[in-house]
Amino acid sequence: MASESKVYVQRTFECDLETLFDWLTKPELIAQWFGPEGFITGEVKGELIEGGSYSIELKKEPNTAFTVYGEYLEIKKPHLIRFSYRYEGLEGRPPSIVQFSLSEKENEVTELSMVQVFEVPTPDFSTRTEAWNFMMQRLHDLTS
């Protein structure tokens, strides 16, 4: 059951664990799928170690831009990535923690469970859910 403080997405991908893990963590791959519909991904930076930082710039014409950034809190390659998730350039969006859990269902099929837990209920909860579903579909299309 979803609340206004947690977003859940579960999706099956037709690729192995290592491949999906790479798509979730390598800046050049993240740039191809990350961002809500209508946004272009700009610069993506990341230091994939516990305590390392990441940032993802998102742009929408004519003058909308913001950055998602945070810190990697837990990494268990290729099964788990947990990171803080904050916004720069968007007002009123509470910080959150995102966790990707990956499990191999069969050869070359991986299940991804994603949960985003906000510190306080977010006023744009339905938008967050739509954005993650859009991004997961784009990621699915790229990995199939």
Protein backbone atom coordinates (compact mmCIF):
# COMPACT_ATOMS: atom_id res chain seq x y z
CA MET A 1 0.00 0.00 0.00
CA ALA A 2 1.45 3.34 -1.04
CA SER A 3 1.23 6.43 1.08
CA GLU A 4 2.09 10.02 0.30
CA SER A 5 5.52 9.45 1.81
CA LYS A 6 6.53 6.29 -0.12
CA VAL A 7 6.70 5.55 -3.84
CA TYR A 8 7.00 1.91 -4.93
CA VAL A 9 7.83 0.61 -8.40
CA GLN A 10 8.51 -2.99 -9.34
CA ARG A 11 9.59 -4.02 -12.82
CA THR A 12 11.12 -7.03 -14.57
CA PHE A 13 14.00 -6.49 -17.00
CA GLU A 14 15.26 -8.84 -19.69
CA CYS A 15 18.92 -8.56 -18.75
CA ASP A 16 21.27 -9.97 -16.13
CA LEU A 17 21.91 -8.46 -12.70
CA GLU A 18 25.28 -6.94 -13.58
CA THR A 19 23.92 -5.21 -16.68
CA LEU A 20 20.99 -3.66 -14.82
CA PHE A 21 23.26 -2.62 -11.95
CA ASP A 22 25.49 -0.82 -14.48
CA TRP A 23 22.46 1.02 -15.96
CA LEU A 24 21.56 2.21 -12.45
CA THR A 25 25.03 3.39 -11.48
CA LYS A 26 27.17 4.45 -14.46
CA PRO A 27 26.78 8.16 -15.30
CA GLU A 28 26.86 7.64 -19.08
CA LEU A 29 24.04 5.08 -18.81
CA ILE A 30 21.98 7.00 -16.23
CA ALA A 31 21.98 9.96 -18.64
CA GLN A 32 20.06 7.84 -21.17
CA TRP A 33 17.04 6.99 -18.97
CA PHE A 34 16.85 9.28 -15.95
CA GLY A 35 14.41 12.17 -15.76
CA PRO A 36 10.67 12.78 -15.93
CA GLU A 37 8.88 12.96 -19.25
CA GLY A 38 9.77 16.10 -21.19
CA PHE A 39 13.11 16.64 -19.46
CA ILE A 40 16.58 16.30 -20.93
CA THR A 41 19.34 14.88 -18.77
CA GLY A 42 22.37 17.14 -18.58
CA GLU A 43 25.56 16.40 -16.71
CA VAL A 44 25.60 13.25 -14.55
CA LYS A 45 28.34 12.75 -11.96
CA GLY A 46 28.84 9.95 -9.50
CA GLU A 47 31.34 8.37 -7.16
CA LEU A 48 29.98 4.85 -6.63
CA ILE A 49 31.27 4.15 -3.12
CA GLU A 50 29.44 4.28 0.19
CA GLY A 51 29.66 7.92 1.22
CA GLY A 52 30.29 8.99 -2.39
CA SER A 53 28.20 11.70 -3.98
CA TYR A 54 26.19 11.88 -7.19
CA SER A 55 24.34 14.60 -9.11
CA ILE A 56 22.02 14.56 -12.11
CA GLU A 57 21.14 17.75 -13.95
CA LEU A 58 17.70 17.91 -15.57
CA LYS A 59 16.55 20.55 -18.07
CA LYS A 60 13.29 21.49 -19.76
CA GLU A 61 12.93 24.37 -22.17
CA PRO A 62 12.62 27.25 -22.07
CA ASN A 63 14.06 27.99 -18.61
CA THR A 64 13.42 25.09 -16.27
CA ALA A 65 16.38 23.29 -14.76
CA PHE A 66 17.07 21.50 -11.50
CA THR A 67 19.51 19.00 -10.07
CA VAL A 68 18.92 15.78 -8.18
CA TYR A 69 21.82 15.00 -5.86
CA GLY A 70 22.77 13.00 -2.83
CA GLU A 71 25.05 10.44 -1.29
CA TYR A 72 25.38 6.70 -1.71
CA LEU A 73 24.44 5.21 1.67
CA GLU A 74 24.72 1.48 0.92
CA ILE A 75 26.02 -0.47 -2.07
CA LYS A 76 25.95 -4.26 -2.34
CA LYS A 77 26.84 -4.93 -5.95
CA PRO A 78 24.85 -6.15 -7.87
CA HIS A 79 21.87 -6.47 -5.51
CA LEU A 80 21.33 -3.20 -3.66
CA ILE A 81 21.85 0.55 -4.01
CA ARG A 82 20.52 2.94 -1.37
CA PHE A 83 21.06 6.68 -1.63
CA SER A 84 19.83 10.03 -0.36
CA TYR A 85 17.80 12.06 -2.85
CA ARG A 86 17.56 15.84 -2.71
CA TYR A 87 16.60 18.60 -5.11
CA GLU A 88 18.41 21.81 -5.97
CA GLY A 89 16.38 24.33 -7.95
CA LEU A 90 12.94 22.99 -6.99
CA GLU A 91 11.17 24.43 -3.99
CA GLY A 92 9.00 22.44 -1.62
CA ARG A 93 10.34 18.97 -2.42
CA PRO A 94 11.28 17.10 0.76
CA PRO A 95 14.45 15.01 0.92
CA SER A 96 14.11 11.26 0.60
CA ILE A 97 15.94 7.96 0.50
CA VAL A 98 15.77 5.77 -2.64
CA GLN A 99 16.55 2.08 -2.66
CA PHE A 100 16.95 -0.18 -5.69
CA SER A 101 16.85 -3.90 -4.89
CA LEU A 102 17.73 -6.31 -7.70
CA SER A 103 17.15 -10.04 -7.82
CA GLU A 104 17.71 -12.54 -10.59
CA LYS A 105 14.47 -14.34 -11.47
CA GLU A 106 15.95 -16.60 -14.13
CA ASN A 107 18.83 -16.48 -16.57
CA GLU A 108 18.94 -13.00 -18.14
CA VAL A 109 15.81 -11.82 -16.25
CA THR A 110 16.17 -9.43 -13.32
CA GLU A 111 13.51 -7.96 -11.06
CA LEU A 112 13.97 -4.42 -9.77
CA SER A 113 12.08 -3.17 -6.73
CA MET A 114 12.37 0.56 -6.09
CA VAL A 115 11.13 2.46 -3.07
CA GLN A 116 11.48 6.18 -2.41
CA VAL A 117 10.76 7.17 1.19
CA PHE A 118 10.22 10.87 1.87
CA GLU A 119 11.10 12.45 5.23
CA VAL A 120 7.67 14.11 5.19
CA PRO A 121 4.73 13.57 2.81
CA THR A 122 5.45 15.21 -0.52
CA PRO A 123 2.89 17.57 -2.08
CA ASP A 124 3.57 16.15 -5.57
CA PHE A 125 3.26 12.46 -4.69
CA SER A 126 1.38 11.46 -7.88
CA THR A 127 3.96 13.30 -10.00
CA ARG A 128 6.81 11.38 -8.30
CA THR A 129 5.04 8.06 -8.99
CA GLU A 130 4.45 9.00 -12.64
CA ALA A 131 8.07 10.12 -13.04
CA TRP A 132 9.51 6.87 -11.66
CA ASN A 133 7.15 4.76 -13.78
CA PHE A 134 8.17 6.74 -16.87
CA MET A 135 11.88 6.34 -16.08
CA MET A 136 11.56 2.62 -15.37
CA GLN A 137 9.75 2.11 -18.69
CA ARG A 138 12.50 3.99 -20.51
CA LEU A 139 15.13 1.91 -18.72
CA HIS A 140 13.23 -1.27 -19.61
CA ASP A 141 13.14 -0.26 -23.28
CA LEU A 142 16.89 0.41 -23.29
CA THR A 143 17.84 -2.88 -21.64
CA SER A 144 15.56 -5.18 -23.67
